[in-house]
N, C-alpha and C. Protein backbone atom coordinates (compact mmCIF):
# COMPACT_ATOMS: atom_id res chain seq x y z
N MET A 1 0.51 -1.40 -0.09
CA MET A 1 -0.23 -0.41 -0.03
C MET A 1 1.19 1.38 -0.35
N ASP A 2 0.71 2.25 -0.68
CA ASP A 2 1.61 2.98 -1.05
C ASP A 2 0.36 4.44 -0.28
N ILE A 3 1.20 5.05 0.45
CA ILE A 3 0.78 6.09 1.81
C ILE A 3 0.69 6.95 1.19
N ASN A 4 -0.06 8.20 0.84
CA ASN A 4 -0.13 9.35 0.63
C ASN A 4 -0.39 10.04 1.79
N PHE A 5 0.69 10.94 2.02
CA PHE A 5 0.94 11.57 3.07
C PHE A 5 0.42 13.06 3.20
N TYR A 6 0.39 13.57 1.64
CA TYR A 6 -0.45 14.51 1.19
C TYR A 6 -2.02 14.51 2.34
N ASN A 7 -2.67 13.65 1.87
CA ASN A 7 -3.67 12.88 2.22
C ASN A 7 -3.86 13.08 3.56
N ILE A 8 -2.82 12.75 4.27
CA ILE A 8 -2.77 12.38 5.51
C ILE A 8 -3.04 14.10 6.30
N TYR A 9 -1.49 14.74 5.73
CA TYR A 9 -1.81 16.12 6.54
C TYR A 9 -2.59 16.97 6.43
N LYS A 10 -3.44 16.47 4.96
CA LYS A 10 -4.48 17.39 4.89
C LYS A 10 -5.97 17.33 5.38
N TYR A 11 -5.95 15.47 5.56
CA TYR A 11 -7.27 15.17 6.88
C TYR A 11 -6.66 15.80 8.33
N PHE A 12 -5.67 15.85 8.66
CA PHE A 12 -5.44 16.29 9.85
C PHE A 12 -5.24 17.58 10.19
N HIS A 13 -4.95 18.46 9.00
CA HIS A 13 -5.02 19.92 9.41
C HIS A 13 -6.14 20.14 9.28
N ILE A 14 -7.09 19.22 8.65
CA ILE A 14 -8.42 19.98 8.83
C ILE A 14 -9.57 19.46 9.45
N VAL A 15 -9.12 18.63 10.27
CA VAL A 15 -9.45 18.38 11.30
C VAL A 15 -8.53 19.36 13.35
N PHE A 16 -8.21 19.57 12.98
CA PHE A 16 -7.30 20.15 13.98
C PHE A 16 -7.29 21.83 13.79
N LEU A 17 -7.94 22.14 12.72
CA LEU A 17 -8.50 23.35 11.71
C LEU A 17 -9.93 23.81 13.01
N THR A 18 -10.45 23.04 12.73
CA THR A 18 -12.54 22.61 13.02
C THR A 18 -12.02 22.40 14.46
N THR A 19 -11.18 22.23 14.65
CA THR A 19 -11.52 22.31 16.40
C THR A 19 -11.09 23.62 17.33
N TRP A 20 -9.78 23.89 16.19
CA TRP A 20 -9.27 25.16 17.08
C TRP A 20 -10.40 26.22 16.88
N MET A 21 -10.95 26.22 15.28
CA MET A 21 -11.65 27.63 14.98
C MET A 21 -12.89 27.57 16.49
N ALA A 22 -13.06 25.97 16.42
CA ALA A 22 -14.21 25.51 17.45
C ALA A 22 -14.35 26.53 18.45
N GLY A 23 -13.06 26.38 19.16
CA GLY A 23 -12.88 27.17 20.12
C GLY A 23 -13.02 28.14 20.02
N LEU A 24 -12.10 29.10 18.87
CA LEU A 24 -11.95 30.45 18.85
C LEU A 24 -13.23 31.17 18.23
N PHE A 25 -14.42 30.33 18.32
CA PHE A 25 -15.59 31.00 18.02
C PHE A 25 -16.36 31.03 19.79
N TYR A 26 -15.94 29.75 20.61
CA TYR A 26 -16.89 30.10 21.78
C TYR A 26 -16.48 30.17 22.86
N LEU A 27 -14.91 30.82 22.16
CA LEU A 27 -14.42 30.91 23.68
C LEU A 27 -14.82 32.80 23.48
N PRO A 28 -14.52 33.36 22.87
CA PRO A 28 -15.04 35.13 22.94
C PRO A 28 -17.24 34.93 23.50
N ARG A 29 -17.37 34.25 23.16
CA ARG A 29 -19.02 33.89 23.34
C ARG A 29 -18.70 33.90 24.57
N ILE A 30 -18.34 32.86 25.42
CA ILE A 30 -18.38 32.73 27.06
C ILE A 30 -17.72 34.28 27.78
N PHE A 31 -16.87 34.87 27.23
CA PHE A 31 -16.40 35.89 27.83
C PHE A 31 -17.50 36.34 27.71
N VAL A 32 -18.54 36.80 26.94
CA VAL A 32 -19.32 38.43 26.85
C VAL A 32 -20.78 37.55 28.09
N TYR A 33 -20.44 36.22 28.20
CA TYR A 33 -21.66 35.89 29.32
C TYR A 33 -20.97 35.83 30.68
N HIS A 34 -19.42 35.98 30.94
CA HIS A 34 -18.61 35.38 32.14
C HIS A 34 -18.59 37.36 32.73
N SER A 35 -18.61 38.34 31.70
CA SER A 35 -18.38 39.88 31.70
C SER A 35 -19.68 40.10 32.55
N ARG A 36 -20.26 39.41 31.89
CA ARG A 36 -22.22 39.74 32.89
C ARG A 36 -21.30 39.12 34.38
N ALA A 37 -21.42 38.12 34.66
CA ALA A 37 -21.44 37.33 35.71
C ALA A 37 -21.12 38.03 37.03
N LYS A 38 -20.97 37.85 38.35
CA LYS A 38 -20.28 38.53 39.58
C LYS A 38 -19.18 38.16 40.25
N THR A 39 -18.07 39.55 39.89
CA THR A 39 -17.10 38.52 40.56
C THR A 39 -17.08 37.83 41.42
N GLY A 40 -16.44 36.33 41.77
CA GLY A 40 -16.75 36.01 43.40
C GLY A 40 -17.65 34.70 43.11
N SER A 41 -18.53 35.19 42.43
CA SER A 41 -19.51 33.90 42.21
C SER A 41 -19.35 32.45 41.80
N THR A 42 -20.68 31.72 41.99
CA THR A 42 -20.63 30.42 40.99
C THR A 42 -20.10 30.15 39.94
N GLU A 43 -21.45 31.27 39.29
CA GLU A 43 -21.42 31.68 37.57
C GLU A 43 -20.17 31.69 37.51
N TYR A 44 -19.45 32.65 38.03
CA TYR A 44 -18.03 33.21 37.90
C TYR A 44 -17.20 31.87 37.50
N LYS A 45 -17.21 31.48 38.41
CA LYS A 45 -15.59 30.54 38.87
C LYS A 45 -16.43 29.11 37.73
N THR A 46 -17.22 29.36 37.72
CA THR A 46 -17.29 27.95 36.52
C THR A 46 -16.95 28.53 35.19
N PHE A 47 -17.53 29.51 35.01
CA PHE A 47 -16.93 30.33 33.59
C PHE A 47 -15.12 30.10 33.78
N MET A 48 -14.77 30.68 34.73
CA MET A 48 -13.08 30.26 34.31
C MET A 48 -12.75 29.14 34.54
N GLU A 49 -13.52 28.30 34.85
CA GLU A 49 -12.85 26.71 34.95
C GLU A 49 -12.86 26.34 33.34
N MET A 50 -14.40 26.79 32.40
CA MET A 50 -14.66 26.89 31.02
C MET A 50 -12.98 26.74 29.88
N GLU A 51 -13.18 27.88 30.22
CA GLU A 51 -12.45 28.58 29.62
C GLU A 51 -10.86 28.16 29.72
N LYS A 52 -10.65 28.18 30.51
CA LYS A 52 -8.89 27.27 31.41
C LYS A 52 -9.37 26.06 30.63
N LYS A 53 -10.59 25.01 31.12
CA LYS A 53 -10.13 24.12 30.38
C LYS A 53 -10.07 23.82 28.60
N LEU A 54 -11.09 24.39 28.13
CA LEU A 54 -10.69 24.50 26.54
C LEU A 54 -9.29 25.55 25.97
N MET A 55 -9.19 26.17 26.61
CA MET A 55 -7.86 26.84 26.35
C MET A 55 -7.08 25.61 26.08
N LYS A 56 -7.22 24.54 27.65
CA LYS A 56 -5.16 24.21 27.53
C LYS A 56 -5.90 22.29 26.89
N PHE A 57 -7.05 22.27 26.93
CA PHE A 57 -7.39 21.07 25.99
C PHE A 57 -8.13 20.31 24.36
N ILE A 58 -8.40 21.75 24.16
CA ILE A 58 -8.69 21.77 22.72
C ILE A 58 -7.49 23.20 22.60
N MET A 59 -8.18 24.39 22.42
CA MET A 59 -7.76 24.93 21.78
C MET A 59 -6.01 24.86 21.20
N ASN A 60 -5.42 25.26 22.44
CA ASN A 60 -3.50 25.03 22.45
C ASN A 60 -3.05 23.87 21.60
N PRO A 61 -3.61 22.60 21.58
CA PRO A 61 -3.18 21.45 21.31
C PRO A 61 -4.22 21.87 19.70
N SER A 62 -4.89 22.26 19.33
CA SER A 62 -5.53 22.29 17.90
C SER A 62 -4.22 23.84 16.78
N LEU A 63 -4.29 24.75 18.24
CA LEU A 63 -3.47 25.85 17.18
C LEU A 63 -2.23 24.54 17.16
N TYR A 64 -1.08 24.18 17.91
CA TYR A 64 -0.19 23.45 17.39
C TYR A 64 -0.36 23.08 16.93
N LEU A 65 -1.27 21.85 16.50
CA LEU A 65 -1.45 20.95 15.53
C LEU A 65 -1.79 21.40 13.78
N THR A 66 -2.89 22.46 14.04
CA THR A 66 -3.04 22.95 13.06
C THR A 66 -2.14 23.20 11.97
N TRP A 67 -0.88 24.43 12.53
CA TRP A 67 0.48 24.80 12.17
C TRP A 67 1.20 24.33 11.80
N PHE A 68 1.46 22.62 12.70
CA PHE A 68 2.60 21.80 12.54
C PHE A 68 2.21 20.60 10.68
N PHE A 69 0.45 20.10 10.54
CA PHE A 69 -0.15 19.79 9.47
C PHE A 69 0.06 20.70 8.79
N GLY A 70 -0.31 22.02 8.91
CA GLY A 70 -0.21 23.29 7.72
C GLY A 70 0.95 23.83 7.33
N ILE A 71 1.92 22.94 7.93
CA ILE A 71 3.46 23.78 7.51
C ILE A 71 3.94 21.95 6.51
N SER A 72 3.81 21.36 6.54
CA SER A 72 3.61 20.07 6.66
C SER A 72 2.71 20.24 4.96
N LEU A 73 1.58 20.51 4.28
CA LEU A 73 1.36 20.53 3.83
C LEU A 73 1.98 21.46 2.74
N VAL A 74 2.83 22.34 3.32
CA VAL A 74 3.39 23.40 2.22
C VAL A 74 4.58 22.36 1.80
N ALA A 75 5.22 22.19 3.14
CA ALA A 75 6.49 21.31 2.56
C ALA A 75 6.20 20.54 1.90
N HIS A 76 5.30 19.75 2.05
CA HIS A 76 4.74 18.56 0.89
C HIS A 76 5.18 18.52 -0.53
N GLN A 77 3.70 20.09 -0.74
CA GLN A 77 3.83 20.61 -1.90
C GLN A 77 4.53 21.86 -2.83
N ASN A 78 5.40 21.93 -1.84
CA ASN A 78 6.77 22.94 -2.08
C ASN A 78 6.15 24.25 -2.98
N ILE A 79 5.21 24.66 -2.10
CA ILE A 79 4.07 26.06 -2.64
C ILE A 79 4.60 27.18 -1.70
N ASN A 80 6.08 27.12 -0.93
CA ASN A 80 5.59 28.50 0.21
C ASN A 80 5.65 29.38 -0.69
N HIS A 81 5.76 30.43 -2.31
CA HIS A 81 6.06 31.04 -2.20
C HIS A 81 4.82 32.14 -3.15
N GLU A 82 3.76 30.73 -3.21
CA GLU A 82 3.11 31.55 -4.09
C GLU A 82 1.56 31.75 -3.04
N LEU A 83 1.32 33.49 -3.83
CA LEU A 83 0.57 35.06 -3.29
C LEU A 83 -0.70 34.41 -2.06
N TRP A 84 -0.81 33.89 -2.50
CA TRP A 84 -2.20 33.37 -2.05
C TRP A 84 -2.06 32.75 -0.53
N LEU A 85 -0.86 31.62 -1.18
CA LEU A 85 -0.66 31.05 0.81
C LEU A 85 0.28 32.07 1.43
N VAL A 86 0.97 32.94 1.51
CA VAL A 86 1.69 33.86 1.84
C VAL A 86 0.57 34.72 2.64
N LEU A 87 -0.26 34.91 1.97
CA LEU A 87 -1.51 35.67 2.38
C LEU A 87 -2.33 35.25 3.61
N LYS A 88 -2.28 33.61 3.06
CA LYS A 88 -2.79 32.85 4.01
C LYS A 88 -2.40 32.81 5.40
N VAL A 89 -1.03 32.68 5.25
CA VAL A 89 -0.08 32.47 6.03
C VAL A 89 0.14 33.52 7.42
N LEU A 90 -0.14 34.69 6.63
CA LEU A 90 -0.36 36.40 7.29
C LEU A 90 -2.13 36.16 8.10
N LEU A 91 -2.57 35.81 7.87
CA LEU A 91 -3.98 35.76 8.24
C LEU A 91 -4.55 34.59 9.43
N VAL A 92 -3.23 33.78 9.29
CA VAL A 92 -3.83 32.30 10.21
C VAL A 92 -1.95 32.87 11.71
N GLY A 93 -1.62 33.85 11.09
CA GLY A 93 -0.96 34.23 11.73
C GLY A 93 -1.22 35.81 12.74
N LEU A 94 -2.07 36.25 11.89
CA LEU A 94 -3.29 37.01 13.28
C LEU A 94 -4.29 36.19 13.47
N MET A 95 -4.84 35.00 12.92
CA MET A 95 -5.81 34.27 13.85
C MET A 95 -4.83 33.70 15.66
N THR A 96 -3.41 33.35 14.96
CA THR A 96 -3.10 32.79 16.05
C THR A 96 -2.71 34.58 17.37
N ILE A 97 -2.26 35.69 16.75
CA ILE A 97 -2.37 36.73 17.85
C ILE A 97 -3.21 36.89 18.54
N PHE A 98 -4.74 36.60 17.83
CA PHE A 98 -6.40 36.73 18.22
C PHE A 98 -6.26 35.63 19.81
N HIS A 99 -6.18 34.20 18.85
CA HIS A 99 -5.61 33.08 20.35
C HIS A 99 -4.85 33.65 21.47
N MET A 100 -3.56 34.42 21.67
CA MET A 100 -2.82 34.09 22.36
C MET A 100 -3.71 35.59 23.23
N TYR A 101 -4.53 36.78 22.18
CA TYR A 101 -4.88 37.42 22.83
C TYR A 101 -6.20 36.85 23.77
N CYS A 102 -6.53 36.40 23.57
CA CYS A 102 -7.56 35.20 24.69
C CYS A 102 -7.30 34.82 25.84
N ALA A 103 -6.49 34.07 25.43
CA ALA A 103 -5.18 34.03 26.52
C ALA A 103 -5.52 35.06 27.41
N LYS A 104 -4.30 36.00 27.21
CA LYS A 104 -4.60 37.25 27.96
C LYS A 104 -6.13 37.54 28.53
N ILE A 105 -7.04 37.10 28.12
CA ILE A 105 -8.40 37.83 28.46
C ILE A 105 -8.95 37.23 29.66
N ARG A 106 -8.50 35.56 29.33
CA ARG A 106 -8.75 34.57 30.43
C ARG A 106 -7.98 34.84 31.84
N LYS A 107 -6.96 34.88 31.64
CA LYS A 107 -6.20 35.44 32.91
C LYS A 107 -6.80 36.83 32.89
N LYS A 108 -7.11 37.67 32.61
CA LYS A 108 -7.51 38.33 33.33
C LYS A 108 -9.17 37.91 33.91
N PHE A 109 -10.07 38.10 33.53
CA PHE A 109 -10.59 36.94 34.34
C PHE A 109 -10.41 36.42 35.04
N GLU A 110 -9.49 35.73 35.29
CA GLU A 110 -8.84 34.55 36.86
C GLU A 110 -8.20 35.49 38.07
N THR A 111 -7.15 36.85 37.08
CA THR A 111 -7.73 37.41 37.99
C THR A 111 -8.14 38.51 39.09
N LYS A 112 -9.54 38.54 38.59
CA LYS A 112 -10.13 39.55 38.41
C LYS A 112 -10.38 40.44 37.59
N ARG A 113 -9.31 40.93 37.21
CA ARG A 113 -8.74 41.73 36.71
C ARG A 113 -9.29 42.63 35.05
N ASN A 114 -10.66 42.14 34.76
CA ASN A 114 -11.27 41.99 34.27
C ASN A 114 -11.71 43.82 33.44
N LYS A 115 -11.84 43.94 32.60
CA LYS A 115 -12.28 45.75 33.00
C LYS A 115 -13.24 46.25 31.84
N GLU A 116 -13.60 45.25 30.55
CA GLU A 116 -14.10 45.03 29.51
C GLU A 116 -15.94 44.84 29.74
N SER A 117 -16.15 45.16 28.81
CA SER A 117 -17.53 45.24 28.80
C SER A 117 -17.84 43.73 27.90
N GLU A 118 -19.41 43.25 28.30
CA GLU A 118 -19.86 42.93 27.39
C GLU A 118 -20.27 42.89 26.00
N ASN A 119 -20.36 44.21 25.62
CA ASN A 119 -20.46 44.67 23.77
C ASN A 119 -19.46 44.66 23.35
N PHE A 120 -18.20 45.22 24.61
CA PHE A 120 -16.64 44.47 24.11
C PHE A 120 -16.36 42.84 23.20
N TYR A 121 -16.47 42.41 24.03
CA TYR A 121 -16.19 40.72 23.67
C TYR A 121 -17.39 40.39 22.48
N ARG A 122 -19.02 41.02 22.52
CA ARG A 122 -19.43 40.44 21.68
C ARG A 122 -19.31 41.44 20.11
N ILE A 123 -18.27 42.15 19.96
CA ILE A 123 -17.61 43.05 19.02
C ILE A 123 -16.66 42.23 18.61
N ILE A 124 -14.59 41.72 19.50
CA ILE A 124 -14.38 40.98 19.03
C ILE A 124 -14.42 39.32 18.85
N ASN A 125 -15.96 38.76 19.15
CA ASN A 125 -16.33 38.03 18.65
C ASN A 125 -16.17 37.42 17.34
N GLU A 126 -16.85 38.42 16.41
CA GLU A 126 -16.68 38.62 14.78
C GLU A 126 -15.34 38.30 14.79
N ILE A 127 -14.07 38.60 15.04
CA ILE A 127 -12.95 38.78 14.61
C ILE A 127 -12.46 37.06 13.93
N PRO A 128 -12.44 36.03 14.69
CA PRO A 128 -12.28 34.70 13.82
C PRO A 128 -13.15 34.75 12.76
N THR A 129 -14.30 34.77 13.04
CA THR A 129 -15.37 34.99 12.12
C THR A 129 -14.72 35.27 10.87
N ILE A 130 -14.10 36.57 10.72
CA ILE A 130 -13.82 37.82 9.48
C ILE A 130 -12.70 36.89 8.85
N LEU A 131 -11.78 36.51 10.29
CA LEU A 131 -10.56 36.09 9.42
C LEU A 131 -10.84 34.79 8.88
N PHE A 132 -11.44 33.96 9.55
CA PHE A 132 -11.44 32.15 8.86
C PHE A 132 -12.59 32.61 7.20
N LEU A 133 -13.57 33.32 7.32
CA LEU A 133 -14.11 33.71 5.90
C LEU A 133 -13.62 33.93 5.09
N LEU A 134 -12.09 35.15 5.46
CA LEU A 134 -10.44 35.23 4.50
C LEU A 134 -10.32 34.05 3.91
N ILE A 135 -9.74 33.62 4.39
CA ILE A 135 -8.41 32.08 5.01
C ILE A 135 -9.33 31.48 4.40
N VAL A 136 -10.61 31.34 4.20
CA VAL A 136 -11.28 29.11 3.27
C VAL A 136 -11.41 30.70 2.16
N PHE A 137 -11.67 31.73 1.77
CA PHE A 137 -11.53 32.64 0.25
C PHE A 137 -10.39 32.24 0.13
N LEU A 138 -9.18 32.56 0.48
CA LEU A 138 -7.95 32.33 -0.29
C LEU A 138 -7.22 31.00 -1.04
N VAL A 139 -8.11 29.69 -0.03
CA VAL A 139 -7.44 28.83 -0.17
C VAL A 139 -8.48 28.33 -1.25
N VAL A 140 -9.48 28.23 -1.31
CA VAL A 140 -10.95 28.03 -1.54
C VAL A 140 -10.14 28.28 -3.41
N PHE A 141 -10.48 30.02 -3.54
CA PHE A 141 -9.86 30.04 -5.06
C PHE A 141 -8.72 30.79 -5.44
N LYS A 142 -7.86 30.48 -4.53
CA LYS A 142 -6.03 30.62 -4.56
C LYS A 142 -6.01 31.84 -5.67
N PRO A 143 -6.71 32.76 -5.32
CA PRO A 143 -6.46 34.04 -6.51
C PRO A 143 -4.73 34.26 -5.86
N PHE A 144 -4.11 34.90 -7.60
CA PHE A 144 -3.47 35.38 -7.56
C PHE A 144 -2.00 34.49 -7.56
N ILE A 145 -2.91 33.57 -8.27
CA ILE A 145 -1.61 32.03 -9.06
C ILE A 145 -1.19 32.89 -10.52
């Protein structure tokens, strides 16, 4: 049996991208509700636990594995100079920065230093959606070839 590494890399890249994106869509939504909870309440503590587990067990591993299998795909295909891919990598870099920003917000809730409003979190909740749409557009249509 001939092993098709390209399909294996693509499969895992899509799987881990999906789990990473699920976390990036969900975590800012949790922040919306967390910002309304009274500091020190059971509800507040529950949101802290949810955010911590989401980051530690789903989002962080998915982030690393998305990058690993994405880089494996590029290396396997040797397409690293195509403009659509360069733009995609830049957008995924922005998504990674947003991920790190969410980790920083989570720490602010954990240390009870959150100053942002529910509306602020409703707005930033849209950032991963916009980046995701742009990334998928670049992958599907591969403009600038």
